[in-house]
Protein backbone atom coordinates (compact mmCIF):
# COMPACT_ATOMS: atom_id res chain seq x y z
CA MET A 1 91.72 116.25 87.36
CA SER A 2 93.45 112.96 88.10
CA GLY A 3 91.47 111.86 91.14
CA PRO A 4 88.16 112.14 92.86
CA ARG A 5 86.84 115.56 93.79
CA LYS A 6 87.18 116.59 97.39
CA TRP A 7 84.65 118.48 99.46
CA THR A 8 85.64 120.31 102.61
CA ARG A 9 83.89 119.39 105.82
CA SER A 10 83.34 122.67 107.64
CA ALA A 11 81.60 120.72 110.41
CA LEU A 12 84.92 119.12 111.37
CA ARG A 13 86.55 122.50 111.72
CA ALA A 14 83.63 123.70 113.84
CA LEU A 15 83.91 120.60 116.02
CA VAL A 16 87.64 121.14 116.55
CA LEU A 17 86.89 124.67 117.71
CA ALA A 18 83.91 123.56 119.83
CA VAL A 19 85.86 120.98 121.84
CA GLY A 20 88.60 123.54 122.35
CA LEU A 21 91.46 121.61 120.84
CA GLY A 22 94.40 123.85 120.20
CA SER A 23 96.09 123.68 116.84
CA ALA A 24 98.69 121.24 118.18
CA GLY A 25 96.09 118.73 119.46
CA ALA A 26 93.91 118.98 116.39
CA GLY A 27 96.90 118.89 114.07
CA ALA A 28 98.27 115.77 115.72
CA ALA A 29 94.95 113.94 115.45
CA LEU A 30 94.41 115.03 111.85
CA ALA A 31 98.00 114.33 110.79
CA ASN A 32 97.39 110.70 111.71
CA GLY A 33 94.59 110.53 109.14
CA GLY A 34 91.73 110.68 111.59
CA ALA A 35 88.97 112.98 112.48
CA VAL A 36 88.40 114.39 115.91
CA ASP A 37 85.31 113.17 117.74
CA ALA A 38 83.48 114.96 120.53
CA SER A 39 85.88 113.55 123.13
CA GLY A 40 88.86 114.98 121.25
CA ALA A 41 90.23 111.50 120.53
CA GLY A 42 91.59 110.40 117.19
CA PRO A 43 90.30 107.54 115.01
CA GLU A 44 89.38 104.24 116.58
CA ALA A 45 91.40 101.65 114.68
CA SER A 46 90.78 98.04 115.63
CA ALA A 47 93.03 95.26 114.42
CA GLU A 48 90.05 93.61 112.68
CA SER A 49 88.98 96.67 110.72
CA GLY A 50 92.19 97.02 108.68
CA PRO A 51 92.06 93.52 107.15
CA ALA A 52 88.32 93.86 106.48
CA ILE A 53 88.82 97.20 104.74
CA ARG A 54 91.73 95.79 102.72
CA ALA A 55 89.63 92.79 101.64
CA ALA A 56 86.79 95.09 100.53
CA LEU A 57 89.14 97.33 98.54
CA VAL A 58 90.88 94.41 96.80
CA ALA A 59 87.56 92.74 95.88
CA HIS A 60 85.84 95.89 94.58
CA ASP A 61 86.50 98.87 92.36
CA VAL A 62 85.67 102.25 93.87
CA ILE A 63 83.36 104.11 91.50
CA TYR A 64 83.01 107.88 91.64
CA PRO A 65 79.93 108.48 89.43
CA GLY A 66 80.68 110.91 86.63
CA ILE A 67 84.27 111.34 87.83
CA GLY A 68 86.14 108.03 87.48
CA TRP A 69 87.21 104.91 89.40
CA GLU A 70 90.00 103.41 91.49
CA ARG A 71 91.27 99.83 91.60
CA HIS A 72 93.31 98.62 94.58
CA GLU A 73 95.43 95.64 93.54
CA PRO A 74 96.63 93.05 96.09
CA ASN A 75 100.29 93.78 95.23
CA GLY A 76 100.03 97.37 96.52
CA ARG A 77 99.45 99.09 93.17
CA ILE A 78 96.52 101.48 92.75
CA LEU A 79 95.03 102.55 89.43
CA SER A 80 92.88 105.64 89.15
CA ARG A 81 90.98 106.49 85.99
CA SER A 82 89.56 109.97 85.51
CA LEU A 83 86.67 110.32 83.09
CA GLU A 84 87.14 114.08 82.76
CA GLY A 85 88.70 115.56 79.68
CA PRO A 86 88.33 114.36 76.10
CA TYR A 87 90.13 111.03 76.67
CA GLY A 88 90.33 110.70 80.43
CA ARG A 89 93.53 109.82 82.22
CA THR A 90 94.87 106.81 84.15
CA SER A 91 97.24 107.32 87.07
CA VAL A 92 99.27 104.58 88.79
CA GLY A 93 100.42 104.76 92.40
CA GLU A 94 100.99 102.67 95.51
CA TRP A 95 98.69 101.89 98.42
CA ARG A 96 98.89 100.12 101.78
CA MET A 97 96.94 99.79 105.00
CA GLU A 98 98.25 101.21 108.27
CA GLY A 99 95.85 99.84 110.85
CA ALA A 100 92.43 100.96 109.65
CA LEU A 101 93.82 103.78 107.46
CA ARG A 102 94.29 103.51 103.70
CA CYS A 103 97.55 105.19 102.72
CA LEU A 104 98.66 106.03 99.20
CA ARG A 105 101.17 107.93 97.15
CA TRP A 106 101.17 108.60 93.44
CA THR A 107 104.96 108.77 92.91
CA ARG A 108 107.86 107.35 94.86
CA ALA A 109 109.06 110.90 95.52
CA ALA A 110 105.78 111.88 97.19
CA ALA A 111 104.98 111.41 100.84
CA TRP A 112 102.39 108.84 101.89
CA VAL A 113 98.97 110.31 102.70
CA CYS A 114 96.59 108.29 104.88
CA TYR A 115 92.80 108.37 104.75
CA ARG A 116 90.23 107.22 107.27
CA VAL A 117 87.79 104.80 105.61
CA GLU A 118 84.05 104.61 106.23
CA ILE A 119 82.02 101.88 104.54
CA GLU A 120 78.23 101.68 104.80
CA GLY A 121 76.79 99.05 102.47
CA GLU A 122 78.00 99.96 98.97
CA THR A 123 78.92 103.53 99.96
CA LEU A 124 82.55 104.25 100.76
CA ARG A 125 84.13 107.46 102.00
CA PHE A 126 87.83 108.31 102.23
CA ILE A 127 88.49 111.16 104.67
CA ASP A 128 91.85 112.92 104.40
CA PRO A 129 93.81 114.45 107.30
CA LEU A 130 92.03 117.81 106.81
CA GLY A 131 88.55 116.29 106.82
CA ASN A 132 87.96 116.43 103.05
CA VAL A 133 85.74 113.60 101.87
CA SER A 134 85.90 111.55 98.67
CA ALA A 135 82.69 109.54 98.44
CA GLY A 136 82.26 106.62 96.08
CA ARG A 137 80.49 103.32 95.58
CA LEU A 138 81.96 99.84 95.91
CA GLN A 139 81.40 97.76 92.79
CA PRO A 140 82.36 94.06 92.78
CA ARG A 141 84.95 93.16 90.14
């Protein structure tokens, strides 16, 4: 495995059904990298949150205990190191911020995928367009 494990959030799917969003409304909100809240709105992205998230990612490594780590470099390069396997594996990709969303791609041929970011103290969560969560810990460099 070359990246953090993902866990599916069945609660998000239940919420989408509960608020009665059709597949087009839910798909549009999720395709933009956000979750759907009870009002059916997409992610709230303030102009201040993107720079703050970027600063936190550049100043810290993201540690996934027992799985690996990620390093977001200021020049837009991302390094991911998996601890699984006999020798582990390092992957190199690109990252950028789009508002309050962290977007990345692992090869130039791949499409960009954007993740909603939640930071609470040292805990960080990246939430993909389908609601899968990658949870890690911020560790100062």
